[in-house]
Structures are given as structure tokens and as C-alpha cells.
Amino acid sequence: MDLALKRNVLVDTFGATEGLGLRIKQAALVVAGIAVLAVAAKIKVPVPGSPVMISMGTFAVLTVGAAYGARLGLVTMLGWMLIGMLGFDVFQNSTADLNGISYMMGGTGGYLVGYVLATLALGVLARAGWDRSAPKMAGAMLLGNVLIYVPGLIWLGMLYGWDKPILQWGLTPFLLGDAVKLGLAALLLPALWKLVGRARG
């Protein structure tokens, strides 16, 4: 497995690369990333034949992780969670009445931990060049989904009891939608890299 971590991620291909200009670019990317995560969390797309709609939140989490790299992706993710912790309605099912710490410690808590793990993993794999190949990007997205679901399901089990239908609550209804998002991201990131190559060619 190639984990040399020497390759650029997408956000390295434009704008300043050092000094104050780089810091300004990074700050702007963090703000933009937080906005993308907040908006995507509220987007739900119906899936034909499924009672559960696709939330674009996980797609945004994994894509930001790959496009930003582990360090900047983590800062963006933690910034988004901090804003949510302060009570702003930026999470998928948060509302004016249910938000902040109380929301984060509910059923979604484990998945938020998984978001952090998945962001780090996608960032590391992107540094290794996995985001430039559709098959490798699909593998990275699959790993990211596993890293989201494992702590999510563990937390649900701890919160509600292992005698409850945890998999039916927190996994199986979302598999079809996740497969669609995985395929989309596996095509999107390599396609963006091709556009970057053509722009420089």
C-alpha cells in the first residue's frame, strides 16, 4: 500500500503555497468547508425503492477530507462541530429545539466521532494519491464509511441497549444511499484531478 503521503491534495493545486497568502487561503477554505458541511447536512435526496432519503452530509464529510487533506480537513470538521456545539442548526437532524451538546450526545454522537476518523483517513489516503484513481477512491470511501458506522453503531448500542435492533436503526436503511454516494465520490475526485491536469497542460 502506497502511503508515502508526499502528494498534493486538491486544495494544494491553486492559490498561495506559503506565507501569509497560504494562511489566508487556509482560513477561507475552512470557512467554505464549514458552510458546505452545514448545507450538505440538510440536503436529503429521495432514493427510488427506498423509504430512506440520502443525506449528503456524509458525502460532504468524506469529500472535504479527501480534497483538504487530513490536517486542514480535521480543522474544518472540528470547526463545524464547534459551531454545532454552540447551538447553531448545522447538523442533519438538529432543530431550533434540539441542538448543541444535547443533540451531539444523542443517537448521532458516535457518527460524529466517525466523521472525525473518516476525515483523517480520507486525508491520509488522498496524500498517498488514492483520490486520483476511481477504484482507489472507491476503496477510500468504503473505508471512510466503515469508520463512520463502527463508532456510530457502538454508541447506539451503548445508548439504547444491545437488545434493540441497532443495525436496523443505524445501518441497513442507509446502505443503498451510501453506495450511490460512494460511486459519485469515486468518480468526482479523479475527474477533478483530470481537469487540473488539463488546465496545467
C-alpha atoms as a PDB file:
ATOM      1  CA  MET A   1       0.000   0.000   0.000  1.00  0.00           C
ATOM      2  CA  ASP A   2       1.425   3.378  -1.056  1.00  0.00           C
ATOM      3  CA  LEU A   3       1.228   5.709   1.929  1.00  0.00           C
ATOM      4  CA  ALA A   4       4.193   7.949   1.161  1.00  0.00           C
ATOM      5  CA  LEU A   5       1.990  10.981   1.933  1.00  0.00           C
ATOM      6  CA  LYS A   6       4.020  13.234  -0.353  1.00  0.00           C
ATOM      7  CA  ARG A   7       1.423  14.091  -2.971  1.00  0.00           C
ATOM      8  CA  ASN A   8      -0.661  17.220  -3.142  1.00  0.00           C
ATOM      9  CA  VAL A   9      -4.338  17.183  -2.341  1.00  0.00           C
ATOM     10  CA  LEU A  10      -6.751  19.189  -4.480  1.00  0.00           C
ATOM     11  CA  VAL A  11      -6.600  22.386  -2.435  1.00  0.00           C
ATOM     12  CA  ASP A  12      -2.813  22.464  -2.876  1.00  0.00           C
ATOM     13  CA  THR A  13      -3.190  22.959  -6.620  1.00  0.00           C
ATOM     14  CA  PHE A  14      -4.387  26.571  -6.522  1.00  0.00           C
ATOM     15  CA  GLY A  15      -3.636  29.768  -4.663  1.00  0.00           C
ATOM     16  CA  ALA A  16      -0.748  30.605  -2.385  1.00  0.00           C
ATOM     17  CA  THR A  17       1.602  27.876  -1.189  1.00  0.00           C
ATOM     18  CA  GLU A  18       3.479  29.671   1.593  1.00  0.00           C
ATOM     19  CA  GLY A  19       3.495  32.622   3.962  1.00  0.00           C
ATOM     20  CA  LEU A  20       0.574  34.877   4.773  1.00  0.00           C
ATOM     21  CA  GLY A  21      -1.140  34.084   1.492  1.00  0.00           C
ATOM     22  CA  LEU A  22      -1.267  30.402   2.417  1.00  0.00           C
ATOM     23  CA  ARG A  23      -2.723  31.171   5.848  1.00  0.00           C
ATOM     24  CA  ILE A  24      -5.418  33.354   4.309  1.00  0.00           C
ATOM     25  CA  LYS A  25      -6.238  30.638   1.776  1.00  0.00           C
ATOM     26  CA  GLN A  26      -6.461  28.012   4.515  1.00  0.00           C
ATOM     27  CA  ALA A  27      -8.744  30.211   6.626  1.00  0.00           C
ATOM     28  CA  ALA A  28     -11.010  30.793   3.631  1.00  0.00           C
ATOM     29  CA  LEU A  29     -11.079  27.063   2.906  1.00  0.00           C
ATOM     30  CA  VAL A  30     -12.041  26.261   6.494  1.00  0.00           C
ATOM     31  CA  VAL A  31     -14.922  28.762   6.376  1.00  0.00           C
ATOM     32  CA  ALA A  32     -16.050  27.437   2.977  1.00  0.00           C
ATOM     33  CA  GLY A  33     -15.765  23.837   4.178  1.00  0.00           C
ATOM     34  CA  ILE A  34     -17.856  24.518   7.277  1.00  0.00           C
ATOM     35  CA  ALA A  35     -20.522  26.126   5.094  1.00  0.00           C
ATOM     36  CA  VAL A  36     -20.508  23.132   2.738  1.00  0.00           C
ATOM     37  CA  LEU A  37     -20.842  20.690   5.647  1.00  0.00           C
ATOM     38  CA  ALA A  38     -23.698  22.677   7.182  1.00  0.00           C
ATOM     39  CA  VAL A  39     -25.635  22.972   3.920  1.00  0.00           C
ATOM     40  CA  ALA A  40     -24.988  19.379   2.829  1.00  0.00           C
ATOM     41  CA  ALA A  41     -26.205  18.051   6.180  1.00  0.00           C
ATOM     42  CA  LYS A  42     -29.645  19.473   5.400  1.00  0.00           C
ATOM     43  CA  ILE A  43     -29.843  18.142   1.827  1.00  0.00           C
ATOM     44  CA  LYS A  44     -31.846  14.934   1.509  1.00  0.00           C
ATOM     45  CA  VAL A  45     -32.376  13.184  -1.818  1.00  0.00           C
ATOM     46  CA  PRO A  46     -35.068  10.500  -2.276  1.00  0.00           C
ATOM     47  CA  VAL A  47     -33.918   7.059  -3.428  1.00  0.00           C
ATOM     48  CA  PRO A  48     -36.314   5.121  -5.698  1.00  0.00           C
ATOM     49  CA  GLY A  49     -37.464   1.969  -3.929  1.00  0.00           C
ATOM     50  CA  SER A  50     -36.144   3.045  -0.532  1.00  0.00           C
ATOM     51  CA  PRO A  51     -38.078   4.702   2.334  1.00  0.00           C
ATOM     52  CA  VAL A  52     -34.887   6.433   3.497  1.00  0.00           C
ATOM     53  CA  MET A  53     -33.607   9.522   1.729  1.00  0.00           C
ATOM     54  CA  ILE A  54     -29.911  10.106   1.066  1.00  0.00           C
ATOM     55  CA  SER A  55     -28.350  12.739   3.258  1.00  0.00           C
ATOM     56  CA  MET A  56     -25.458  14.478   1.539  1.00  0.00           C
ATOM     57  CA  GLY A  57     -23.765  15.090   4.873  1.00  0.00           C
ATOM     58  CA  THR A  58     -21.515  12.034   4.786  1.00  0.00           C
ATOM     59  CA  PHE A  59     -20.671  12.723   1.143  1.00  0.00           C
ATOM     60  CA  ALA A  60     -19.506  16.221   2.125  1.00  0.00           C
ATOM     61  CA  VAL A  61     -17.508  14.904   5.087  1.00  0.00           C
ATOM     62  CA  LEU A  62     -15.615  12.363   3.013  1.00  0.00           C
ATOM     63  CA  THR A  63     -15.104  14.687   0.055  1.00  0.00           C
ATOM     64  CA  VAL A  64     -13.795  17.518   2.241  1.00  0.00           C
ATOM     65  CA  GLY A  65     -11.424  15.072   3.917  1.00  0.00           C
ATOM     66  CA  ALA A  66     -10.011  13.962   0.566  1.00  0.00           C
ATOM     67  CA  ALA A  67      -9.872  17.413  -1.012  1.00  0.00           C
ATOM     68  CA  TYR A  68      -8.391  19.181   2.033  1.00  0.00           C
ATOM     69  CA  GLY A  69      -6.046  16.547   3.432  1.00  0.00           C
ATOM     70  CA  ALA A  70      -6.027  15.267   6.998  1.00  0.00           C
ATOM     71  CA  ARG A  71      -4.845  18.393   8.831  1.00  0.00           C
ATOM     72  CA  LEU A  72      -6.992  21.047   7.146  1.00  0.00           C
ATOM     73  CA  GLY A  73      -9.897  18.621   6.911  1.00  0.00           C
ATOM     74  CA  LEU A  74      -9.719  17.974  10.657  1.00  0.00           C
ATOM     75  CA  VAL A  75      -9.656  21.704  11.464  1.00  0.00           C
ATOM     76  CA  THR A  76     -12.694  22.195   9.219  1.00  0.00           C
ATOM     77  CA  MET A  77     -14.553  19.265  10.777  1.00  0.00           C
ATOM     78  CA  LEU A  78     -13.861  20.416  14.329  1.00  0.00           C
ATOM     79  CA  GLY A  79     -14.875  23.963  13.419  1.00  0.00           C
ATOM     80  CA  TRP A  80     -18.210  22.703  12.087  1.00  0.00           C
ATOM     81  CA  MET A  81     -18.771  20.637  15.237  1.00  0.00           C
ATOM     82  CA  LEU A  82     -17.850  23.569  17.468  1.00  0.00           C
ATOM     83  CA  ILE A  83     -20.451  25.728  15.742  1.00  0.00           C
ATOM     84  CA  GLY A  84     -22.989  22.945  16.229  1.00  0.00           C
ATOM     85  CA  MET A  85     -21.947  22.590  19.876  1.00  0.00           C
ATOM     86  CA  LEU A  86     -22.690  26.281  20.379  1.00  0.00           C
ATOM     87  CA  GLY A  87     -26.292  25.612  19.381  1.00  0.00           C
ATOM     88  CA  PHE A  88     -26.410  26.515  15.708  1.00  0.00           C
ATOM     89  CA  ASP A  89     -28.581  24.306  13.490  1.00  0.00           C
ATOM     90  CA  VAL A  90     -25.834  22.792  11.319  1.00  0.00           C
ATOM     91  CA  PHE A  91     -26.369  19.056  11.819  1.00  0.00           C
ATOM     92  CA  GLN A  92     -28.561  16.726   9.799  1.00  0.00           C
ATOM     93  CA  ASN A  93     -31.432  16.399  12.272  1.00  0.00           C
ATOM     94  CA  SER A  94     -30.746  19.278  14.622  1.00  0.00           C
ATOM     95  CA  THR A  95     -33.514  21.819  15.102  1.00  0.00           C
ATOM     96  CA  ALA A  96     -34.123  25.059  16.946  1.00  0.00           C
ATOM     97  CA  ASP A  97     -35.247  22.990  19.946  1.00  0.00           C
ATOM     98  CA  LEU A  98     -32.745  20.116  19.711  1.00  0.00           C
ATOM     99  CA  ASN A  99     -29.186  21.228  19.132  1.00  0.00           C
ATOM    100  CA  GLY A 100     -25.830  21.790  20.781  1.00  0.00           C
ATOM    101  CA  ILE A 101     -24.399  19.319  23.288  1.00  0.00           C
ATOM    102  CA  SER A 102     -27.745  17.619  23.902  1.00  0.00           C
ATOM    103  CA  TYR A 103     -28.050  16.787  20.202  1.00  0.00           C
ATOM    104  CA  MET A 104     -24.426  15.685  19.897  1.00  0.00           C
ATOM    105  CA  MET A 105     -24.733  13.335  22.878  1.00  0.00           C
ATOM    106  CA  GLY A 106     -27.848  11.698  21.432  1.00  0.00           C
ATOM    107  CA  GLY A 107     -28.056   8.961  18.850  1.00  0.00           C
ATOM    108  CA  THR A 108     -25.835  10.827  16.401  1.00  0.00           C
ATOM    109  CA  GLY A 109     -22.879  11.138  18.778  1.00  0.00           C
ATOM    110  CA  GLY A 110     -20.995   8.081  17.592  1.00  0.00           C
ATOM    111  CA  TYR A 111     -21.391   9.063  13.964  1.00  0.00           C
ATOM    112  CA  LEU A 112     -19.845  12.470  14.691  1.00  0.00           C
ATOM    113  CA  VAL A 113     -16.815  10.682  16.139  1.00  0.00           C
ATOM    114  CA  GLY A 114     -16.789   8.587  12.979  1.00  0.00           C
ATOM    115  CA  TYR A 115     -16.787  11.755  10.876  1.00  0.00           C
ATOM    116  CA  VAL A 116     -13.512  12.789  12.502  1.00  0.00           C
ATOM    117  CA  LEU A 117     -11.933   9.367  11.937  1.00  0.00           C
ATOM    118  CA  ALA A 118     -13.151   9.241   8.333  1.00  0.00           C
ATOM    119  CA  THR A 119     -11.864  12.750   7.605  1.00  0.00           C
ATOM    120  CA  LEU A 120      -8.406  11.799   8.849  1.00  0.00           C
ATOM    121  CA  ALA A 121      -8.394   8.562   6.869  1.00  0.00           C
ATOM    122  CA  LEU A 122      -9.533  10.188   3.626  1.00  0.00           C
ATOM    123  CA  GLY A 123      -6.978  12.947   4.068  1.00  0.00           C
ATOM    124  CA  VAL A 124      -4.142  10.479   4.577  1.00  0.00           C
ATOM    125  CA  LEU A 125      -5.180   8.359   1.594  1.00  0.00           C
ATOM    126  CA  ALA A 126      -5.530  11.462  -0.586  1.00  0.00           C
ATOM    127  CA  ARG A 127      -1.945  12.422   0.327  1.00  0.00           C
ATOM    128  CA  ALA A 128      -0.985   8.962  -0.887  1.00  0.00           C
ATOM    129  CA  GLY A 129      -2.672   9.629  -4.239  1.00  0.00           C
ATOM    130  CA  TRP A 130      -5.763   7.488  -3.805  1.00  0.00           C
ATOM    131  CA  ASP A 131      -8.030  10.358  -4.854  1.00  0.00           C
ATOM    132  CA  ARG A 132      -6.594  10.260  -8.392  1.00  0.00           C
ATOM    133  CA  SER A 133      -7.882   6.769  -9.174  1.00  0.00           C
ATOM    134  CA  ALA A 134     -11.564   5.825  -9.240  1.00  0.00           C
ATOM    135  CA  PRO A 135     -11.026   2.275  -7.861  1.00  0.00           C
ATOM    136  CA  LYS A 136      -8.747   3.515  -5.072  1.00  0.00           C
ATOM    137  CA  MET A 137     -11.088   6.383  -4.276  1.00  0.00           C
ATOM    138  CA  ALA A 138     -13.957   3.902  -4.024  1.00  0.00           C
ATOM    139  CA  GLY A 139     -11.870   1.873  -1.574  1.00  0.00           C
ATOM    140  CA  ALA A 140     -11.062   5.002   0.432  1.00  0.00           C
ATOM    141  CA  MET A 141     -14.746   5.956   0.553  1.00  0.00           C
ATOM    142  CA  LEU A 142     -15.664   2.447   1.672  1.00  0.00           C
ATOM    143  CA  LEU A 143     -13.124   2.649   4.485  1.00  0.00           C
ATOM    144  CA  GLY A 144     -14.473   6.080   5.409  1.00  0.00           C
ATOM    145  CA  ASN A 145     -17.997   4.712   5.653  1.00  0.00           C
ATOM    146  CA  VAL A 146     -16.810   1.858   7.874  1.00  0.00           C
ATOM    147  CA  LEU A 147     -15.063   4.345  10.155  1.00  0.00           C
ATOM    148  CA  ILE A 148     -18.299   6.337  10.417  1.00  0.00           C
ATOM    149  CA  TYR A 149     -20.576   3.370  11.073  1.00  0.00           C
ATOM    150  CA  VAL A 150     -18.476   1.459  13.603  1.00  0.00           C
ATOM    151  CA  PRO A 151     -18.434   4.140  16.335  1.00  0.00           C
ATOM    152  CA  GLY A 152     -21.951   5.164  15.328  1.00  0.00           C
ATOM    153  CA  LEU A 153     -23.361   1.701  15.924  1.00  0.00           C
ATOM    154  CA  ILE A 154     -21.307   1.151  19.074  1.00  0.00           C
ATOM    155  CA  TRP A 155     -22.676   4.385  20.525  1.00  0.00           C
ATOM    156  CA  LEU A 156     -26.256   3.445  19.615  1.00  0.00           C
ATOM    157  CA  GLY A 157     -25.796   0.090  21.348  1.00  0.00           C
ATOM    158  CA  MET A 158     -24.383   1.721  24.460  1.00  0.00           C
ATOM    159  CA  LEU A 159     -27.065   4.396  24.488  1.00  0.00           C
ATOM    160  CA  TYR A 160     -30.170   2.309  23.858  1.00  0.00           C
ATOM    161  CA  GLY A 161     -29.077  -1.236  24.698  1.00  0.00           C
ATOM    162  CA  TRP A 162     -27.779  -4.096  22.581  1.00  0.00           C
ATOM    163  CA  ASP A 163     -31.142  -5.851  22.763  1.00  0.00           C
ATOM    164  CA  LYS A 164     -32.536  -3.190  20.423  1.00  0.00           C
ATOM    165  CA  PRO A 165     -32.426  -3.544  16.584  1.00  0.00           C
ATOM    166  CA  ILE A 166     -29.294  -1.406  16.315  1.00  0.00           C
ATOM    167  CA  LEU A 167     -28.408  -2.467  12.764  1.00  0.00           C
ATOM    168  CA  GLN A 168     -31.927  -1.743  11.555  1.00  0.00           C
ATOM    169  CA  TRP A 169     -31.811   1.666  13.158  1.00  0.00           C
ATOM    170  CA  GLY A 170     -28.344   2.774  12.199  1.00  0.00           C
ATOM    171  CA  LEU A 171     -27.023   0.787   9.238  1.00  0.00           C
ATOM    172  CA  THR A 172     -29.164  -1.206   6.823  1.00  0.00           C
ATOM    173  CA  PRO A 173     -31.587   1.589   5.772  1.00  0.00           C
ATOM    174  CA  PHE A 174     -28.656   3.717   4.638  1.00  0.00           C
ATOM    175  CA  LEU A 175     -26.593   1.201   2.660  1.00  0.00           C
ATOM    176  CA  LEU A 176     -28.198   1.906  -0.714  1.00  0.00           C
ATOM    177  CA  GLY A 177     -27.725   5.642  -0.365  1.00  0.00           C
ATOM    178  CA  ASP A 178     -24.133   5.183   0.776  1.00  0.00           C
ATOM    179  CA  ALA A 179     -23.398   3.024  -2.257  1.00  0.00           C
ATOM    180  CA  VAL A 180     -24.675   5.818  -4.512  1.00  0.00           C
ATOM    181  CA  LYS A 181     -22.567   8.432  -2.711  1.00  0.00           C
ATOM    182  CA  LEU A 182     -19.517   6.173  -2.793  1.00  0.00           C
ATOM    183  CA  GLY A 183     -19.801   5.809  -6.551  1.00  0.00           C
ATOM    184  CA  LEU A 184     -20.316   9.539  -7.015  1.00  0.00           C
ATOM    185  CA  ALA A 185     -17.255  10.487  -4.970  1.00  0.00           C
ATOM    186  CA  ALA A 186     -15.160   7.782  -6.617  1.00  0.00           C
ATOM    187  CA  LEU A 187     -15.844   9.458  -9.960  1.00  0.00           C
ATOM    188  CA  LEU A 188     -15.796  13.093  -8.807  1.00  0.00           C
ATOM    189  CA  LEU A 189     -12.342  13.393  -7.242  1.00  0.00           C
ATOM    190  CA  PRO A 190     -10.386  11.705 -10.070  1.00  0.00           C
ATOM    191  CA  ALA A 191     -12.373  13.776 -12.588  1.00  0.00           C
ATOM    192  CA  LEU A 192     -11.354  16.978 -10.802  1.00  0.00           C
ATOM    193  CA  TRP A 193      -7.727  15.881 -10.917  1.00  0.00           C
ATOM    194  CA  LYS A 194      -8.024  15.378 -14.677  1.00  0.00           C
ATOM    195  CA  LEU A 195      -9.405  18.892 -15.025  1.00  0.00           C
ATOM    196  CA  VAL A 196      -6.454  20.216 -13.019  1.00  0.00           C
ATOM    197  CA  GLY A 197      -4.070  18.349 -15.305  1.00  0.00           C
ATOM    198  CA  ARG A 198      -5.714  19.740 -18.438  1.00  0.00           C
ATOM    199  CA  ALA A 199      -5.665  23.282 -17.017  1.00  0.00           C
ATOM    200  CA  ARG A 200      -1.948  22.991 -16.487  1.00  0.00           C
ATOM    201  CA  GLY A 201      -1.264  21.209 -19.734  1.00  0.00           C
END
